[in-house]
N, C-alpha and C. Protein backbone atom coordinates (compact mmCIF):
# COMPACT_ATOMS: atom_id res chain seq x y z
N MET A 1 204.49 83.62 141.37
CA MET A 1 205.00 83.69 140.02
C MET A 1 206.48 84.07 140.09
N THR A 2 207.27 83.42 139.29
CA THR A 2 208.70 83.66 139.31
C THR A 2 209.15 84.16 137.94
N TRP A 3 209.99 85.17 137.95
CA TRP A 3 210.58 85.67 136.71
C TRP A 3 212.04 85.30 136.71
N LYS A 4 212.54 84.88 135.56
CA LYS A 4 213.94 84.48 135.46
C LYS A 4 214.89 85.65 135.60
N THR A 5 214.40 86.85 135.35
CA THR A 5 215.27 88.03 135.42
C THR A 5 215.19 88.73 136.77
N SER A 6 214.34 88.25 137.67
CA SER A 6 214.17 88.90 138.96
C SER A 6 215.31 88.55 139.91
N ASN A 7 215.76 89.56 140.67
CA ASN A 7 216.77 89.32 141.70
C ASN A 7 216.16 89.49 143.09
N ARG A 8 214.83 89.46 143.17
CA ARG A 8 214.12 89.69 144.41
C ARG A 8 214.57 88.74 145.51
N LYS A 9 214.64 87.47 145.22
CA LYS A 9 215.02 86.49 146.24
C LYS A 9 216.44 86.73 146.74
N ALA A 10 217.33 87.11 145.86
CA ALA A 10 218.72 87.36 146.24
C ALA A 10 218.84 88.58 147.16
N ARG A 11 217.89 89.51 147.05
CA ARG A 11 217.93 90.72 147.87
C ARG A 11 217.35 90.50 149.27
N LEU A 12 216.64 89.39 149.47
CA LEU A 12 216.07 89.11 150.78
C LEU A 12 217.15 88.60 151.73
N PRO A 13 217.06 88.97 153.00
CA PRO A 13 218.05 88.48 153.97
C PRO A 13 217.86 86.97 154.20
N SER A 14 218.90 86.32 154.65
CA SER A 14 218.83 84.88 154.88
C SER A 14 217.80 84.53 155.96
N SER A 15 217.47 85.49 156.81
CA SER A 15 216.49 85.26 157.88
C SER A 15 215.07 85.65 157.46
N TRP A 16 214.80 85.76 156.16
CA TRP A 16 213.51 86.24 155.69
C TRP A 16 212.35 85.40 156.21
N SER A 17 212.49 84.09 156.25
CA SER A 17 211.37 83.26 156.71
C SER A 17 211.01 83.57 158.16
N THR A 18 212.00 83.87 158.98
CA THR A 18 211.75 84.25 160.38
C THR A 18 211.09 85.63 160.44
N ILE A 19 211.60 86.56 159.66
CA ILE A 19 211.02 87.91 159.63
C ILE A 19 209.57 87.84 159.16
N ARG A 20 209.33 87.08 158.09
CA ARG A 20 207.99 86.95 157.52
C ARG A 20 207.02 86.38 158.56
N ALA A 21 207.42 85.32 159.25
CA ALA A 21 206.56 84.71 160.26
C ALA A 21 206.26 85.70 161.39
N ARG A 22 207.26 86.48 161.78
CA ARG A 22 207.07 87.46 162.85
C ARG A 22 206.07 88.55 162.44
N ILE A 23 206.17 89.04 161.20
CA ILE A 23 205.28 90.10 160.72
C ILE A 23 203.85 89.56 160.59
N LEU A 24 203.69 88.36 160.05
CA LEU A 24 202.35 87.79 159.91
C LEU A 24 201.73 87.50 161.27
N ALA A 25 202.53 87.15 162.28
CA ALA A 25 202.01 86.96 163.63
C ALA A 25 201.61 88.31 164.24
N ARG A 26 202.39 89.34 163.96
CA ARG A 26 202.09 90.68 164.48
C ARG A 26 200.84 91.27 163.83
N ASP A 27 200.69 91.03 162.51
CA ASP A 27 199.57 91.58 161.74
C ASP A 27 198.71 90.44 161.19
N PRO A 28 197.90 89.78 162.02
CA PRO A 28 197.11 88.64 161.51
C PRO A 28 196.01 89.07 160.53
N VAL A 29 195.57 90.33 160.61
CA VAL A 29 194.55 90.85 159.71
C VAL A 29 195.20 91.91 158.81
N CYS A 30 194.79 91.93 157.56
CA CYS A 30 195.35 92.86 156.57
C CYS A 30 195.34 94.28 157.09
N ARG A 31 196.48 94.95 157.01
CA ARG A 31 196.59 96.33 157.51
C ARG A 31 195.99 97.34 156.54
N ILE A 32 195.61 96.90 155.34
CA ILE A 32 195.01 97.83 154.37
C ILE A 32 193.48 97.75 154.43
N CYS A 33 192.92 96.55 154.24
CA CYS A 33 191.46 96.43 154.22
C CYS A 33 190.87 96.14 155.60
N ASP A 34 191.68 95.64 156.50
CA ASP A 34 191.26 95.33 157.86
C ASP A 34 190.11 94.31 157.88
N VAL A 35 190.06 93.43 156.86
CA VAL A 35 189.01 92.43 156.76
C VAL A 35 189.59 91.02 156.62
N ARG A 36 190.43 90.83 155.62
CA ARG A 36 190.96 89.50 155.32
C ARG A 36 192.22 89.20 156.13
N ARG A 37 192.53 87.91 156.21
CA ARG A 37 193.72 87.45 156.90
C ARG A 37 194.97 87.84 156.12
N SER A 38 196.00 88.24 156.82
CA SER A 38 197.28 88.58 156.18
C SER A 38 197.97 87.31 155.71
N THR A 39 198.36 87.31 154.45
CA THR A 39 199.10 86.18 153.89
C THR A 39 200.38 86.63 153.21
N GLN A 40 200.56 87.93 153.08
CA GLN A 40 201.72 88.50 152.39
C GLN A 40 202.42 89.49 153.31
N VAL A 41 203.72 89.61 153.16
CA VAL A 41 204.46 90.65 153.88
C VAL A 41 204.89 91.67 152.84
N ASP A 42 204.51 92.91 153.09
CA ASP A 42 204.70 94.00 152.14
C ASP A 42 205.66 95.03 152.71
N HIS A 43 206.54 95.53 151.85
CA HIS A 43 207.38 96.68 152.22
C HIS A 43 206.49 97.92 152.10
N ILE A 44 206.31 98.64 153.19
CA ILE A 44 205.41 99.79 153.19
C ILE A 44 205.85 100.80 152.14
N LYS A 45 207.12 101.11 152.08
CA LYS A 45 207.65 101.99 151.05
C LYS A 45 208.13 101.10 149.89
N ALA A 46 207.58 101.33 148.73
CA ALA A 46 207.85 100.47 147.57
C ALA A 46 209.32 100.47 147.17
N MET A 47 209.75 99.35 146.64
CA MET A 47 211.08 99.18 146.06
C MET A 47 212.21 99.51 147.02
N THR A 48 212.06 99.10 148.28
CA THR A 48 213.13 99.28 149.24
C THR A 48 213.59 97.92 149.73
N ASP A 49 214.77 97.88 150.24
CA ASP A 49 215.30 96.65 150.84
C ASP A 49 215.41 96.82 152.35
N ASP A 50 214.51 97.61 152.92
CA ASP A 50 214.47 97.82 154.36
C ASP A 50 213.62 96.71 154.96
N HIS A 51 214.26 95.75 155.61
CA HIS A 51 213.57 94.59 156.14
C HIS A 51 213.34 94.69 157.65
N ARG A 52 213.41 95.90 158.19
CA ARG A 52 213.13 96.08 159.61
C ARG A 52 211.61 96.01 159.83
N ASP A 53 211.23 95.58 161.01
CA ASP A 53 209.81 95.35 161.29
C ASP A 53 208.94 96.58 161.04
N HIS A 54 209.39 97.76 161.39
CA HIS A 54 208.56 98.95 161.20
C HIS A 54 208.38 99.31 159.73
N ALA A 55 209.18 98.74 158.84
CA ALA A 55 209.07 99.03 157.41
C ALA A 55 208.26 97.97 156.67
N LEU A 56 207.73 97.00 157.41
CA LEU A 56 206.98 95.90 156.81
C LEU A 56 205.57 95.85 157.39
N GLN A 57 204.64 95.29 156.61
CA GLN A 57 203.28 95.11 157.10
C GLN A 57 202.70 93.83 156.52
N GLY A 58 201.81 93.22 157.29
CA GLY A 58 201.10 92.05 156.83
C GLY A 58 199.84 92.49 156.11
N ILE A 59 199.66 91.98 154.88
CA ILE A 59 198.46 92.32 154.11
C ILE A 59 197.97 91.08 153.38
N CYS A 60 196.72 91.14 152.88
CA CYS A 60 196.15 90.03 152.14
C CYS A 60 196.61 90.08 150.68
N TYR A 61 196.43 88.97 149.98
CA TYR A 61 196.87 88.90 148.59
C TYR A 61 196.18 89.94 147.70
N PRO A 62 194.83 90.09 147.77
CA PRO A 62 194.20 91.10 146.88
C PRO A 62 194.72 92.51 147.11
N CYS A 63 194.91 92.89 148.38
CA CYS A 63 195.42 94.24 148.66
C CYS A 63 196.87 94.38 148.19
N HIS A 64 197.66 93.31 148.34
CA HIS A 64 199.06 93.37 147.91
C HIS A 64 199.13 93.51 146.39
N ALA A 65 198.29 92.76 145.68
CA ALA A 65 198.28 92.85 144.22
C ALA A 65 197.88 94.25 143.77
N GLN A 66 196.85 94.81 144.40
CA GLN A 66 196.39 96.15 144.02
C GLN A 66 197.45 97.20 144.35
N LYS A 67 198.06 97.11 145.52
CA LYS A 67 199.09 98.08 145.92
C LYS A 67 200.29 98.00 144.97
N SER A 68 200.71 96.79 144.65
CA SER A 68 201.85 96.63 143.73
C SER A 68 201.54 97.17 142.34
N ALA A 69 200.32 96.95 141.87
CA ALA A 69 199.92 97.45 140.55
C ALA A 69 199.93 98.98 140.54
N GLN A 70 199.42 99.59 141.60
CA GLN A 70 199.42 101.06 141.68
C GLN A 70 200.84 101.61 141.74
N GLU A 71 201.71 100.95 142.49
CA GLU A 71 203.10 101.41 142.58
C GLU A 71 203.82 101.26 141.25
N GLY A 72 203.53 100.17 140.54
CA GLY A 72 204.13 99.98 139.22
C GLY A 72 203.66 101.02 138.22
N ALA A 73 202.36 101.32 138.26
CA ALA A 73 201.82 102.33 137.35
C ALA A 73 202.42 103.70 137.66
N ALA A 74 202.57 104.00 138.94
CA ALA A 74 203.16 105.29 139.31
C ALA A 74 204.62 105.37 138.86
N GLY A 75 205.34 104.27 138.96
CA GLY A 75 206.73 104.24 138.51
C GLY A 75 206.84 104.42 137.01
N ARG A 76 205.93 103.79 136.26
CA ARG A 76 205.95 103.94 134.80
C ARG A 76 205.58 105.36 134.39
N ALA A 77 204.69 105.99 135.15
CA ALA A 77 204.27 107.36 134.81
C ALA A 77 205.41 108.35 135.00
N ARG A 78 206.35 108.05 135.89
CA ARG A 78 207.48 108.97 136.12
C ARG A 78 208.55 108.85 135.04
N ARG A 79 208.51 107.80 134.25
CA ARG A 79 209.52 107.64 133.19
C ARG A 79 209.27 108.63 132.07
N PRO A 80 210.32 109.11 131.45
CA PRO A 80 210.10 110.00 130.29
C PRO A 80 209.47 109.22 129.14
N ASP A 81 208.76 109.94 128.32
CA ASP A 81 208.10 109.33 127.17
C ASP A 81 209.17 108.74 126.25
N ARG A 82 209.00 107.50 125.86
CA ARG A 82 210.01 106.83 125.04
C ARG A 82 209.66 106.85 123.56
N ARG A 83 208.53 107.44 123.21
CA ARG A 83 208.16 107.49 121.80
C ARG A 83 208.98 108.55 121.07
N ARG A 84 209.25 108.29 119.83
CA ARG A 84 209.95 109.30 119.03
C ARG A 84 209.02 110.44 118.71
N PRO A 85 209.51 111.66 118.66
CA PRO A 85 208.64 112.78 118.28
C PRO A 85 208.25 112.65 116.81
N ASP A 86 207.09 113.21 116.49
CA ASP A 86 206.62 113.20 115.11
C ASP A 86 207.59 113.99 114.24
N ASP A 87 207.99 113.40 113.13
CA ASP A 87 208.85 114.11 112.16
C ASP A 87 207.96 114.94 111.25
N ASP A 88 208.50 116.07 110.85
CA ASP A 88 207.80 116.86 109.85
C ASP A 88 207.79 116.06 108.55
N HIS A 89 206.65 115.96 107.95
CA HIS A 89 206.51 115.21 106.71
C HIS A 89 206.36 116.21 105.57
N PRO A 90 207.08 115.98 104.47
CA PRO A 90 207.01 116.96 103.38
C PRO A 90 205.62 117.14 102.81
N GLY A 91 204.75 116.14 102.94
CA GLY A 91 203.39 116.26 102.41
C GLY A 91 202.43 116.91 103.39
N ARG A 92 202.88 117.12 104.60
CA ARG A 92 202.02 117.70 105.62
C ARG A 92 202.11 119.22 105.56
N LEU A 93 200.99 119.90 105.61
CA LEU A 93 201.01 121.37 105.52
C LEU A 93 201.21 121.99 106.85
């Protein structure tokens, strides 16, 4: 899936296809579930641009989707509440 506002591809190094192939060859089985074949290359620490081999892992699509969802939820939970506080209403006792 591609988003028009994403700069993800621009942040990848020009040698990404080589790095990706190397990581998938190193980790043929998902490093999270240890069951399915690795099809995705994941940054172990979320939201980093560290493309060194020790910072990457091969994982399967379901595990990558779940890990990304958990990281996104954790990131949203750290944001301050954006709702306006309740105003005192003159009819409220």
